[in-house]
Amino acid sequence: MPKVYAQSYFVPTDLVKGSIDAPPNGTDFNSMLLTTSQDADGFYDFKLTYYNKDVSFKMKPLLYNSFKLKFKAALKTLIDSTKVDVGGTPTPLTYKAADDSMVDKNVSVLFYQSVTYHNTEDGKLVAGTMSLISNEIPVFVKDSFSGISNNCIGKLKDVKVGITFKNGYIQKVLVEGKIGELEVKFKNVYSIGISSSANIKNLRRNKLFSKRSYTEKEILRIQANERLSVKDIQYDAKRKLYNLEVYLGDIIDYSEKIGLNAHDISPEPQTILLDEADTSQSEVEVYKEDKSELFEIVVYTDALNAFGLDDTENGLVQAEINKRFNLNTNLRDTRTFGQYMSPPFLSFLSKGIGYVTFVNLNVRYSKFEEGKEFVLLSELDGNTYYPLTEIFQKRNFTFGPILNLVTMENQDLKLDMHLNTGVLFGRTFYRTAEDAENQFVNNLEIPIEYKFQITPENAVNFCISDRLSYFKSFKEDFNVSTIKGGSLSGGEFMNTINMGVNLNLSSTGKMFFRYQFVHAFDNINQNYHQLQFGYSFYWLKQNGVKTQSGS
């Protein structure tokens, strides 16, 4: 008998929004889910869920044209049967046919996500099982009110939970339910670690907040199980608003699988749906990262050099191998925990903060054009030296760890910030004269870097960073200097400004573009720049490595 399993995906926002005719204010376009599973008879089941309504359809085999027709029919039925609460009045939604090109683009993504999931499911390793603890969740409000004991205003019932995992974190949580007859939604404001047993213990400390804020009068009526109306809203610009709160540990339980090599229990990137009313979704297995995705290799070149737009000798081809290891993935609320412990002037941008969250191991190799792979000894006023910027630029090999010190996150702004440091060992070829033999000098880079990353959607992210590096070469009588004020200055610091965009357009690799401006810290006029483009992929996956169940 085939194994029964399920996976959920959020339907793209623009597809939901484009399929609703004149949507009322407050309509949620982000919470429609497509769940796919395979039943015991081998049929592929699909279920669209939106505002506690769902529509299902079956397929066998999985064919795109059939999927598209069935999906569009289910989407129309679901939207036409959905009502949105507007000012206490249920308002029905009306379906409209969206733009064909936009529909094709988004439906094809959902189809191929589902196909990929079903084609790879049997080889996945189970990280653990996630389940609902209770169908009655205590709901709290931050401040005490008269008549409310322990700040608890009631119980959340008819609970449904959608969870998205990424990079060792619960990236998104959406909890839907009712307090009495009032429908309420809760979400997280920062990512929640799920890579260790300590993270699981801390689930009871992690709060989720209602998407809507309430006045004191509304909260008292909710606690009294009375229906809210427009009259309850106090139209006062200075009125105080409160968010309702629930604890994630009161809602879900994560039982990790005990086995060898189970130090990191991070689920792979995936979305699951838990629903107490649906026995097939009250408990869901989550899967570990595929072993064929352990090492990411990045191959890139410098466009300025490759197309002859600049004579800067940045190298013909560079290759990097990266591996990230999660360390302390426990983020805390910046407003209460990190407001005095985050970097100056930046905590106001952050809602979640963590310390020493990961270490990234990096190996880089650079291939230079023959005859340009070395640094030539220079002379100024009778003094010989090797230019600092060239020794830094022409390293043909570097390796070492980059350690995260501080991670800050703001999901509303789609912003991640990282303060990192590390130790990078490198090697540079040099010559004492044009006709001399190549020799090499070992060097050490100790960087401190602040990085901003904006991710408007999963397929695209933008980043900007500034890295200040202490740089030292190890060789006797090897003078590395910069020129400042017409004379040599023993500079030992380099600064790198980086701006880039990453395009995650497939499951096998990513494209990226980045510009770097690198200069001696004490003299910005001694500099070089790079305009790089390249492609990254998982090394073992490209070489055909596959995993076996139970391995």
Protein backbone atom coordinates (compact mmCIF):
# COMPACT_ATOMS: atom_id res chain seq x y z
CA MET A 1 0.00 0.00 0.00
CA PRO A 2 1.44 3.42 -0.90
CA LYS A 3 2.51 5.64 1.95
CA VAL A 4 0.06 8.47 2.75
CA TYR A 5 1.68 11.90 3.21
CA ALA A 6 0.75 15.54 2.74
CA GLN A 7 2.39 18.88 1.92
CA SER A 8 0.99 22.42 1.80
CA TYR A 9 1.91 25.50 -0.22
CA PHE A 10 0.68 29.06 0.07
CA VAL A 11 -1.14 30.14 -3.09
CA PRO A 12 0.69 33.22 -4.50
CA THR A 13 -0.78 36.49 -3.24
CA ASP A 14 -1.19 38.06 -6.70
CA LEU A 15 -3.19 35.04 -7.89
CA VAL A 16 -5.59 35.26 -4.92
CA LYS A 17 -5.95 39.03 -5.19
CA GLY A 18 -6.40 38.93 -8.96
CA SER A 19 -9.18 36.33 -8.68
CA ILE A 20 -11.44 38.35 -6.33
CA ASP A 21 -13.76 40.98 -7.76
CA ALA A 22 -13.71 44.22 -5.71
CA PRO A 23 -12.34 42.63 -2.51
CA PRO A 24 -13.60 44.25 0.71
CA ASN A 25 -11.15 46.16 2.90
CA GLY A 26 -9.29 43.82 5.20
CA THR A 27 -9.42 40.81 2.87
CA ASP A 28 -6.46 38.52 3.59
CA PHE A 29 -4.70 37.56 0.35
CA ASN A 30 -1.83 35.69 2.01
CA SER A 31 -3.46 32.72 3.74
CA MET A 32 -4.88 30.55 0.94
CA LEU A 33 -3.28 27.10 1.08
CA LEU A 34 -2.99 24.29 -1.46
CA THR A 35 -2.48 20.92 0.24
CA THR A 36 -1.44 17.88 -1.76
CA SER A 37 -1.33 14.23 -0.69
CA GLN A 38 -1.43 10.76 -2.16
CA ASP A 39 -4.05 8.36 -0.92
CA ALA A 40 -3.79 4.61 -0.41
CA ASP A 41 -5.04 3.97 -3.95
CA GLY A 42 -2.35 6.15 -5.52
CA PHE A 43 -4.66 9.07 -6.40
CA TYR A 44 -3.27 12.58 -5.91
CA ASP A 45 -5.53 14.63 -3.64
CA PHE A 46 -5.51 18.45 -3.70
CA LYS A 47 -7.33 20.73 -1.28
CA LEU A 48 -7.65 24.52 -1.43
CA THR A 49 -8.30 26.14 1.99
CA TYR A 50 -9.30 29.77 2.61
CA TYR A 51 -11.15 31.44 5.53
CA ASN A 52 -12.02 28.03 7.05
CA LYS A 53 -13.57 26.89 3.75
CA ASP A 54 -12.06 24.20 1.55
CA VAL A 55 -12.60 22.63 -1.87
CA SER A 56 -10.95 19.37 -2.99
CA PHE A 57 -10.20 17.57 -6.23
CA LYS A 58 -8.41 14.36 -7.25
CA MET A 59 -6.07 13.48 -10.12
CA LYS A 60 -4.34 10.48 -11.61
CA PRO A 61 -1.93 10.86 -13.37
CA LEU A 62 -0.43 14.28 -12.65
CA LEU A 63 -0.85 16.26 -15.89
CA TYR A 64 -0.48 20.04 -16.06
CA ASN A 65 -3.47 20.83 -18.29
CA SER A 66 -5.80 18.72 -16.14
CA PHE A 67 -4.37 20.28 -12.96
CA LYS A 68 -4.87 23.80 -14.33
CA LEU A 69 -8.54 23.18 -15.23
CA LYS A 70 -9.34 21.52 -11.90
CA PHE A 71 -7.45 24.17 -9.91
CA LYS A 72 -9.27 27.07 -11.59
CA ALA A 73 -12.66 25.39 -11.03
CA ALA A 74 -11.83 24.75 -7.36
CA LEU A 75 -10.58 28.33 -6.94
CA LYS A 76 -13.85 29.74 -8.35
CA THR A 77 -15.97 27.51 -6.09
CA LEU A 78 -13.90 28.38 -3.02
CA ILE A 79 -13.96 32.16 -3.52
CA ASP A 80 -17.68 32.24 -4.32
CA SER A 81 -18.42 30.32 -1.10
CA THR A 82 -16.20 32.50 1.14
CA LYS A 83 -17.37 35.35 3.36
CA VAL A 84 -15.16 38.00 4.96
CA ASP A 85 -16.00 39.71 8.25
CA VAL A 86 -16.21 43.46 7.54
CA GLY A 87 -17.13 45.52 10.61
CA GLY A 88 -18.97 42.58 12.12
CA THR A 89 -20.92 41.83 8.93
CA PRO A 90 -20.12 38.69 6.86
CA THR A 91 -19.49 39.92 3.30
CA PRO A 92 -19.40 37.37 0.44
CA LEU A 93 -16.52 37.34 -2.04
CA THR A 94 -17.05 37.15 -5.79
CA TYR A 95 -14.76 35.33 -8.19
CA LYS A 96 -13.42 36.96 -11.32
CA ALA A 97 -11.22 35.49 -14.04
CA ALA A 98 -7.68 36.80 -13.58
CA ASP A 99 -5.19 37.65 -16.31
CA ASP A 100 -4.30 34.46 -18.23
CA SER A 101 -0.53 35.00 -18.23
CA MET A 102 -0.52 35.67 -14.50
CA VAL A 103 -2.66 32.58 -13.85
CA ASP A 104 -0.40 30.38 -16.01
CA LYS A 105 2.71 31.62 -14.24
CA ASN A 106 1.42 30.97 -10.71
CA VAL A 107 -0.48 27.76 -11.38
CA SER A 108 2.56 26.24 -13.10
CA VAL A 109 4.67 27.00 -10.01
CA LEU A 110 2.15 25.25 -7.73
CA PHE A 111 1.96 22.29 -10.11
CA TYR A 112 5.71 21.77 -10.35
CA GLN A 113 6.12 22.20 -6.59
CA SER A 114 3.58 19.42 -6.12
CA VAL A 115 5.19 17.19 -8.77
CA THR A 116 8.63 17.67 -7.26
CA TYR A 117 7.28 16.84 -3.82
CA HIS A 118 5.63 13.59 -4.93
CA ASN A 119 8.61 12.52 -7.06
CA THR A 120 11.11 12.93 -4.21
CA GLU A 121 9.02 11.96 -1.18
CA ASP A 122 10.15 8.36 -0.81
CA GLY A 123 13.82 9.34 -0.39
CA LYS A 124 13.30 11.81 2.43
CA LEU A 125 14.35 11.31 6.01
CA VAL A 126 11.90 12.14 8.79
CA ALA A 127 13.13 14.86 11.16
CA GLY A 128 10.16 14.55 13.49
CA THR A 129 6.41 14.77 13.93
CA MET A 130 4.45 17.95 14.55
CA SER A 131 1.00 17.80 16.08
CA LEU A 132 -1.66 19.94 17.75
CA ILE A 133 -1.63 19.77 21.55
CA SER A 134 -5.15 21.00 22.19
CA ASN A 135 -8.14 22.44 20.42
CA GLU A 136 -8.64 24.97 23.25
CA ILE A 137 -5.80 27.45 23.45
CA PRO A 138 -5.58 30.09 26.23
CA VAL A 139 -5.64 33.63 24.81
CA PHE A 140 -4.00 36.46 26.72
CA VAL A 141 -3.79 40.24 26.57
CA LYS A 142 -0.63 42.04 27.69
CA ASP A 143 -2.17 44.43 30.20
CA SER A 144 -4.58 43.64 32.99
CA PHE A 145 -8.18 44.86 32.89
CA SER A 146 -10.82 44.91 35.54
CA GLY A 147 -12.57 41.55 35.68
CA ILE A 148 -9.90 39.64 33.72
CA SER A 149 -7.79 37.30 35.86
CA ASN A 150 -4.24 36.35 34.82
CA ASN A 151 -4.73 38.41 31.62
CA CYS A 152 -6.56 35.44 30.04
CA ILE A 153 -9.62 36.54 28.07
CA GLY A 154 -10.79 33.17 26.79
CA LYS A 155 -10.01 30.04 24.77
CA LEU A 156 -9.25 29.76 21.06
CA LYS A 157 -11.17 26.87 19.46
CA ASP A 158 -11.54 25.28 15.99
CA VAL A 159 -7.81 25.74 15.53
CA LYS A 160 -5.99 25.50 12.20
CA VAL A 161 -2.25 26.09 11.92
CA GLY A 162 -0.07 26.74 8.86
CA ILE A 163 3.72 26.56 9.38
CA THR A 164 6.59 27.31 6.99
CA PHE A 165 10.12 26.08 7.78
CA LYS A 166 13.39 27.50 6.43
CA ASN A 167 17.07 27.38 7.46
CA GLY A 168 16.44 25.81 10.86
CA TYR A 169 13.59 28.17 11.76
CA ILE A 170 9.83 28.28 11.77
CA GLN A 171 9.76 31.23 9.41
CA LYS A 172 5.99 31.78 9.31
CA VAL A 173 3.16 30.67 11.57
CA LEU A 174 -0.50 31.44 10.93
CA VAL A 175 -3.02 30.25 13.53
CA GLU A 176 -6.75 30.57 12.83
CA GLY A 177 -9.55 29.93 15.27
CA LYS A 178 -12.51 31.34 17.18
CA ILE A 179 -12.94 32.97 20.57
CA GLY A 180 -16.62 32.39 21.04
CA GLU A 181 -18.02 33.45 17.65
CA LEU A 182 -15.17 35.85 16.86
CA GLU A 183 -12.72 34.64 14.20
CA VAL A 184 -9.16 35.59 15.11
CA LYS A 185 -5.82 35.06 13.36
CA PHE A 186 -2.43 35.00 15.07
CA LYS A 187 1.03 35.22 13.51
CA ASN A 188 4.67 35.37 14.57
CA VAL A 189 6.64 38.62 14.31
CA TYR A 190 10.07 36.95 14.08
CA SER A 191 11.39 33.50 13.10
CA ILE A 192 11.34 30.77 15.75
CA GLY A 193 14.25 28.33 16.04
CA ILE A 194 13.50 24.64 15.50
CA SER A 195 16.98 23.12 15.03
CA SER A 196 17.66 21.75 18.53
CA SER A 197 16.03 20.23 21.59
CA ALA A 198 16.57 23.54 23.40
CA ASN A 199 14.49 25.29 20.72
CA ILE A 200 11.63 22.85 21.32
CA LYS A 201 11.70 23.59 25.06
CA ASN A 202 11.53 27.30 24.25
CA LEU A 203 8.36 26.98 22.16
CA ARG A 204 6.37 27.77 25.30
CA ARG A 205 8.12 31.15 25.50
CA ASN A 206 7.38 32.18 21.94
CA LYS A 207 4.34 34.39 21.52
CA LEU A 208 2.09 34.79 18.51
CA PHE A 209 0.15 38.03 18.14
CA SER A 210 -3.29 38.72 16.70
CA LYS A 211 -3.19 40.31 13.26
CA ARG A 212 -5.76 42.85 14.41
CA SER A 213 -5.48 45.18 17.40
CA TYR A 214 -8.40 45.76 19.79
CA THR A 215 -9.52 48.54 22.10
CA GLU A 216 -10.06 47.96 25.81
CA LYS A 217 -13.83 48.00 25.28
CA GLU A 218 -13.59 45.37 22.54
CA ILE A 219 -11.40 43.14 24.68
CA LEU A 220 -13.87 43.25 27.54
CA ARG A 221 -16.69 42.28 25.15
CA ILE A 222 -14.57 39.41 23.76
CA GLN A 223 -13.93 38.20 27.30
CA ALA A 224 -17.66 38.35 27.99
CA ASN A 225 -18.28 36.36 24.76
CA GLU A 226 -20.35 39.20 23.33
CA ARG A 227 -20.50 39.95 19.63
CA LEU A 228 -18.42 42.91 18.45
CA SER A 229 -19.88 45.66 16.30
CA VAL A 230 -18.75 48.92 14.75
CA LYS A 231 -20.13 50.75 17.80
CA ASP A 232 -17.44 49.15 19.97
CA ILE A 233 -14.65 51.02 18.18
CA GLN A 234 -13.63 54.13 20.04
CA TYR A 235 -12.86 56.73 17.38
CA ASP A 236 -10.08 58.50 19.20
CA ALA A 237 -6.67 59.05 17.65
CA LYS A 238 -5.09 58.59 21.07
CA ARG A 239 -6.99 55.44 22.00
CA LYS A 240 -4.80 52.59 23.18
CA LEU A 241 -4.85 49.39 21.12
CA TYR A 242 -3.88 45.91 22.28
CA ASN A 243 -2.89 42.70 20.51
CA LEU A 244 -4.15 39.37 21.73
CA GLU A 245 -1.44 36.79 22.43
CA VAL A 246 -1.08 33.01 22.41
CA TYR A 247 1.98 30.87 23.15
CA LEU A 248 3.17 28.59 20.36
CA GLY A 249 4.03 25.88 22.89
CA ASP A 250 0.35 25.75 23.92
CA ILE A 251 -0.61 24.98 20.32
CA ILE A 252 1.90 22.56 18.78
CA ASP A 253 4.20 19.77 19.91
CA TYR A 254 7.30 18.70 17.97
CA SER A 255 8.60 15.20 18.61
CA GLU A 256 12.02 14.86 16.99
CA LYS A 257 13.13 11.50 15.65
CA ILE A 258 15.88 9.93 17.75
CA GLY A 259 18.71 8.44 15.70
CA LEU A 260 22.31 8.73 14.61
CA ASN A 261 23.49 12.12 13.35
CA ALA A 262 20.41 13.77 14.91
CA HIS A 263 22.24 16.72 16.47
CA ASP A 264 20.53 19.10 14.01
CA ILE A 265 16.81 18.32 13.79
CA SER A 266 16.01 21.16 11.39
CA PRO A 267 13.20 20.38 8.96
CA GLU A 268 13.91 21.14 5.30
CA PRO A 269 12.11 24.13 3.71
CA GLN A 270 8.44 23.09 3.56
CA THR A 271 4.95 24.18 4.55
CA ILE A 272 2.57 22.07 6.61
CA LEU A 273 -1.05 22.48 7.70
CA LEU A 274 -2.41 21.19 11.04
CA ASP A 275 -6.17 20.90 11.51
CA GLU A 276 -7.79 19.23 14.52
CA ALA A 277 -11.03 18.74 12.58
CA ASP A 278 -9.21 16.77 9.83
CA THR A 279 -7.73 13.56 11.28
CA SER A 280 -5.29 13.29 8.35
CA GLN A 281 -3.81 16.66 9.29
CA SER A 282 -3.86 16.66 13.09
CA GLU A 283 -0.36 15.17 13.02
CA VAL A 284 2.19 15.70 10.23
CA GLU A 285 5.68 14.35 9.61
CA VAL A 286 8.35 16.89 8.70
CA TYR A 287 11.47 15.98 6.75
CA LYS A 288 15.19 16.66 7.09
CA GLU A 289 17.37 18.45 4.60
CA ASP A 290 18.37 16.20 1.70
CA LYS A 291 21.94 14.94 2.12
CA SER A 292 22.59 15.83 -1.53
CA GLU A 293 22.19 19.50 -0.58
CA LEU A 294 24.91 19.66 2.06
CA PHE A 295 27.43 21.72 0.07
CA GLU A 296 26.64 24.73 -2.09
CA ILE A 297 29.13 25.63 -4.80
CA VAL A 298 29.14 29.09 -6.39
CA VAL A 299 30.82 29.73 -9.75
CA TYR A 300 31.12 33.30 -10.97
CA THR A 301 33.19 35.66 -13.07
CA ASP A 302 33.86 39.39 -13.18
CA ALA A 303 31.87 41.04 -15.98
CA LEU A 304 34.18 44.06 -16.20
CA ASN A 305 37.15 41.80 -16.82
CA ALA A 306 35.43 39.14 -18.92
CA PHE A 307 34.01 41.61 -21.45
CA GLY A 308 37.04 43.89 -21.55
CA LEU A 309 35.22 46.80 -19.91
CA ASP A 310 37.98 47.38 -17.38
CA ASP A 311 41.64 46.40 -17.06
CA THR A 312 41.18 45.53 -13.38
CA GLU A 313 42.67 42.06 -12.82
CA ASN A 314 39.90 40.43 -10.81
CA GLY A 315 40.38 36.94 -12.16
CA LEU A 316 38.72 35.04 -14.99
CA VAL A 317 36.73 32.59 -12.86
CA GLN A 318 36.11 32.21 -9.13
CA ALA A 319 34.54 29.28 -7.30
CA GLU A 320 33.32 29.06 -3.71
CA ILE A 321 32.11 26.17 -1.59
CA ASN A 322 29.86 27.12 1.33
CA LYS A 323 28.28 25.20 4.16
CA ARG A 324 26.18 26.79 6.88
CA PHE A 325 25.84 25.19 10.33
CA ASN A 326 23.12 26.37 12.72
CA LEU A 327 24.29 27.13 16.24
CA ASN A 328 22.00 29.08 18.59
CA THR A 329 18.79 29.53 16.59
CA ASN A 330 16.85 30.94 19.54
CA LEU A 331 15.60 34.42 18.60
CA ARG A 332 14.03 36.67 21.22
CA ASP A 333 11.70 39.66 21.09
CA THR A 334 13.83 42.77 20.50
CA ARG A 335 11.33 44.97 22.33
CA THR A 336 11.84 43.15 25.62
CA PHE A 337 15.12 41.25 25.34
CA GLY A 338 17.40 42.92 22.84
CA GLN A 339 16.64 46.62 23.01
CA TYR A 340 19.79 47.26 25.04
CA MET A 341 21.92 44.49 23.50
CA SER A 342 21.63 45.14 19.75
CA PRO A 343 23.99 47.29 17.68
CA PRO A 344 23.40 51.04 18.16
CA PHE A 345 20.63 52.76 16.20
CA LEU A 346 19.46 49.52 14.53
CA SER A 347 17.25 47.85 17.15
CA PHE A 348 14.31 50.00 16.05
CA LEU A 349 14.40 48.14 12.72
CA SER A 350 14.21 44.73 14.38
CA LYS A 351 11.50 42.66 16.04
CA GLY A 352 13.55 39.53 16.71
CA ILE A 353 17.18 39.22 17.79
CA GLY A 354 19.55 36.29 18.27
CA TYR A 355 23.22 35.79 19.07
CA VAL A 356 25.77 33.41 17.52
CA THR A 357 23.05 31.87 15.36
CA PHE A 358 25.25 30.19 12.70
CA VAL A 359 28.74 29.64 11.33
CA ASN A 360 29.45 29.50 7.61
CA LEU A 361 32.47 27.54 6.33
CA ASN A 362 33.85 29.06 3.13
CA VAL A 363 36.47 27.95 0.60
CA ARG A 364 37.25 30.14 -2.44
CA TYR A 365 39.54 29.60 -5.44
CA SER A 366 40.33 32.28 -8.04
CA LYS A 367 41.74 31.60 -11.51
CA PHE A 368 43.68 34.53 -12.99
CA GLU A 369 44.83 35.06 -16.53
CA GLU A 370 48.29 33.62 -17.13
CA GLY A 371 50.93 36.25 -16.49
CA LYS A 372 48.60 38.32 -14.28
CA GLU A 373 48.27 36.01 -11.32
CA PHE A 374 51.03 37.63 -9.27
CA VAL A 375 51.77 40.93 -7.51
CA LEU A 376 54.91 42.68 -8.72
CA LEU A 377 57.29 44.43 -6.33
CA SER A 378 56.86 48.23 -6.51
CA GLU A 379 59.12 51.13 -5.56
CA LEU A 380 58.52 54.65 -4.21
CA ASP A 381 61.30 57.08 -3.31
CA GLY A 382 63.79 54.25 -3.13
CA ASN A 383 61.62 52.11 -0.87
CA THR A 384 60.30 48.76 -2.16
CA TYR A 385 56.85 47.47 -1.21
CA TYR A 386 53.92 45.35 -2.33
CA PRO A 387 50.62 47.28 -2.71
CA LEU A 388 48.14 46.25 -0.03
CA THR A 389 45.13 46.36 -2.40
CA GLU A 390 46.84 44.03 -4.91
CA ILE A 391 47.91 41.50 -2.28
CA PHE A 392 44.31 41.47 -1.03
CA GLN A 393 42.81 41.32 -4.55
CA LYS A 394 45.03 38.58 -6.04
CA ARG A 395 44.58 35.94 -3.40
CA ASN A 396 44.11 32.77 -5.40
CA PHE A 397 42.89 30.75 -2.43
CA THR A 398 41.09 31.53 0.85
CA PHE A 399 39.35 29.40 3.43
CA GLY A 400 37.95 29.77 6.92
CA PRO A 401 34.82 30.21 9.06
CA ILE A 402 32.52 33.23 9.21
CA LEU A 403 30.75 33.40 12.58
CA ASN A 404 27.50 35.24 13.13
CA LEU A 405 27.55 37.46 16.22
CA VAL A 406 24.11 39.07 16.04
CA THR A 407 21.06 38.32 13.87
CA MET A 408 18.13 40.73 13.74
CA GLU A 409 14.90 40.28 11.80
CA ASN A 410 11.80 42.23 10.88
CA GLN A 411 9.25 40.15 8.97
CA ASP A 412 6.97 43.14 8.33
CA LEU A 413 9.82 44.92 6.52
CA LYS A 414 11.05 41.58 5.06
CA LEU A 415 14.45 42.54 6.44
CA ASP A 416 17.27 40.45 7.93
CA MET A 417 20.41 41.97 9.45
CA HIS A 418 23.59 40.13 10.41
CA LEU A 419 26.70 41.22 12.26
CA ASN A 420 29.44 38.70 11.40
CA THR A 421 33.12 38.14 12.00
CA GLY A 422 35.57 35.39 11.12
CA VAL A 423 39.06 34.24 10.25
CA LEU A 424 40.11 33.68 6.62
CA PHE A 425 43.47 32.23 5.64
CA GLY A 426 44.71 33.02 2.14
CA ARG A 427 47.60 32.83 -0.29
CA THR A 428 48.90 35.31 -2.88
CA PHE A 429 51.57 34.85 -5.56
CA TYR A 430 54.19 37.58 -5.94
CA ARG A 431 57.36 38.32 -7.91
CA THR A 432 60.37 40.44 -7.10
CA ALA A 433 60.81 41.16 -10.86
CA GLU A 434 58.93 40.49 -14.13
CA ASP A 435 61.26 37.65 -15.09
CA ALA A 436 61.46 36.13 -11.60
CA GLU A 437 59.73 32.93 -10.48
CA ASN A 438 56.38 33.02 -8.72
CA GLN A 439 56.57 32.81 -4.94
CA PHE A 440 53.67 32.87 -2.53
CA VAL A 441 52.92 34.62 0.73
CA ASN A 442 50.37 33.43 3.29
CA ASN A 443 48.00 35.98 4.73
CA LEU A 444 45.25 36.35 7.30
CA GLU A 445 42.00 38.31 7.08
CA ILE A 446 39.87 39.04 10.15
CA PRO A 447 36.66 40.72 8.95
CA ILE A 448 33.83 42.43 10.79
CA GLU A 449 30.77 42.80 8.59
CA TYR A 450 27.28 44.25 8.82
CA LYS A 451 24.83 42.93 6.25
CA PHE A 452 21.29 43.97 5.33
CA GLN A 453 19.13 41.57 3.31
CA ILE A 454 15.67 42.36 1.95
CA THR A 455 13.52 39.50 0.63
CA PRO A 456 10.36 40.88 -1.02
CA GLU A 457 9.48 37.35 -2.18
CA ASN A 458 11.07 33.91 -1.92
CA ALA A 459 12.47 34.03 -5.47
CA VAL A 460 14.34 37.34 -5.06
CA ASN A 461 16.44 38.99 -2.39
CA PHE A 462 18.62 42.09 -2.29
CA CYS A 463 21.58 42.62 0.01
CA ILE A 464 24.02 45.36 0.94
CA SER A 465 26.94 44.99 3.30
CA ASP A 466 30.05 46.73 4.53
CA ARG A 467 33.05 44.66 5.64
CA LEU A 468 36.08 46.10 7.45
CA SER A 469 39.01 43.65 7.40
CA TYR A 470 42.27 43.48 9.28
CA PHE A 471 44.70 42.02 6.72
CA LYS A 472 48.18 40.74 7.50
CA SER A 473 50.77 38.89 5.38
CA PHE A 474 53.26 36.52 7.03
CA LYS A 475 56.76 36.70 5.63
CA GLU A 476 60.00 38.27 6.87
CA ASP A 477 61.13 41.46 5.10
CA PHE A 478 57.88 41.52 3.12
CA ASN A 479 56.70 45.13 3.12
CA VAL A 480 52.99 45.57 2.36
CA SER A 481 51.93 49.22 2.25
CA THR A 482 49.51 51.77 0.92
CA ILE A 483 50.36 55.24 -0.38
CA LYS A 484 49.04 58.14 1.64
CA GLY A 485 50.00 61.78 1.08
CA GLY A 486 52.64 60.78 -1.47
CA SER A 487 54.51 58.48 0.93
CA LEU A 488 54.23 54.89 2.11
CA SER A 489 51.85 54.09 4.95
CA GLY A 490 51.85 50.71 6.62
CA GLY A 491 48.13 50.11 6.14
CA GLU A 492 46.65 46.86 7.44
CA PHE A 493 42.92 47.45 6.93
CA MET A 494 40.71 46.97 3.86
CA ASN A 495 37.06 47.91 3.42
CA THR A 496 34.59 46.17 1.09
CA ILE A 497 31.17 47.57 0.14
CA ASN A 498 28.92 44.96 -1.47
CA MET A 499 25.55 45.27 -3.21
CA GLY A 500 23.82 42.32 -4.85
CA VAL A 501 20.68 40.54 -5.97
CA ASN A 502 19.97 36.79 -5.80
CA LEU A 503 17.42 35.05 -8.03
CA ASN A 504 16.17 31.72 -6.70
CA LEU A 505 14.36 30.59 -9.84
CA SER A 506 14.68 26.80 -9.62
CA SER A 507 15.10 23.99 -7.12
CA THR A 508 18.57 23.12 -8.43
CA GLY A 509 20.36 26.46 -8.31
CA LYS A 510 20.36 30.25 -7.98
CA MET A 511 21.61 33.11 -10.13
CA PHE A 512 23.18 36.20 -8.59
CA PHE A 513 24.62 39.57 -9.52
CA ARG A 514 26.76 41.69 -7.21
CA TYR A 515 28.93 44.77 -7.27
CA GLN A 516 31.86 45.22 -4.91
CA PHE A 517 33.94 48.31 -4.22
CA VAL A 518 37.13 47.48 -2.30
CA HIS A 519 39.55 50.09 -0.98
CA ALA A 520 42.35 50.61 1.50
CA PHE A 521 40.77 51.89 4.68
CA ASP A 522 43.22 54.77 5.11
CA ASN A 523 43.13 55.83 1.44
CA ILE A 524 39.92 55.35 -0.54
CA ASN A 525 41.75 56.33 -3.74
CA GLN A 526 43.59 53.02 -3.66
CA ASN A 527 40.78 50.74 -4.74
CA TYR A 528 39.40 48.27 -7.24
CA HIS A 529 35.87 47.17 -8.09
CA GLN A 530 34.10 44.05 -9.33
CA LEU A 531 30.83 43.46 -11.18
CA GLN A 532 30.18 39.76 -10.75
CA PHE A 533 27.56 37.41 -12.04
CA GLY A 534 27.30 33.70 -11.47
CA TYR A 535 25.34 30.59 -10.58
CA SER A 536 25.18 28.49 -7.45
CA PHE A 537 24.11 24.88 -7.11
CA TYR A 538 24.37 21.98 -4.69
CA TRP A 539 27.60 20.14 -5.45
CA LEU A 540 26.54 16.61 -4.48
CA LYS A 541 23.16 16.95 -6.19
CA GLN A 542 24.85 17.86 -9.49
CA ASN A 543 27.05 14.78 -9.10
CA GLY A 544 24.09 12.44 -8.73
CA VAL A 545 24.33 11.68 -5.00
CA LYS A 546 21.00 10.45 -3.63
CA THR A 547 19.83 9.42 -0.20
CA GLN A 548 18.02 6.28 0.83
CA SER A 549 15.22 5.99 3.31
CA GLY A 550 16.49 5.24 6.75
CA SER A 551 20.10 6.11 5.90
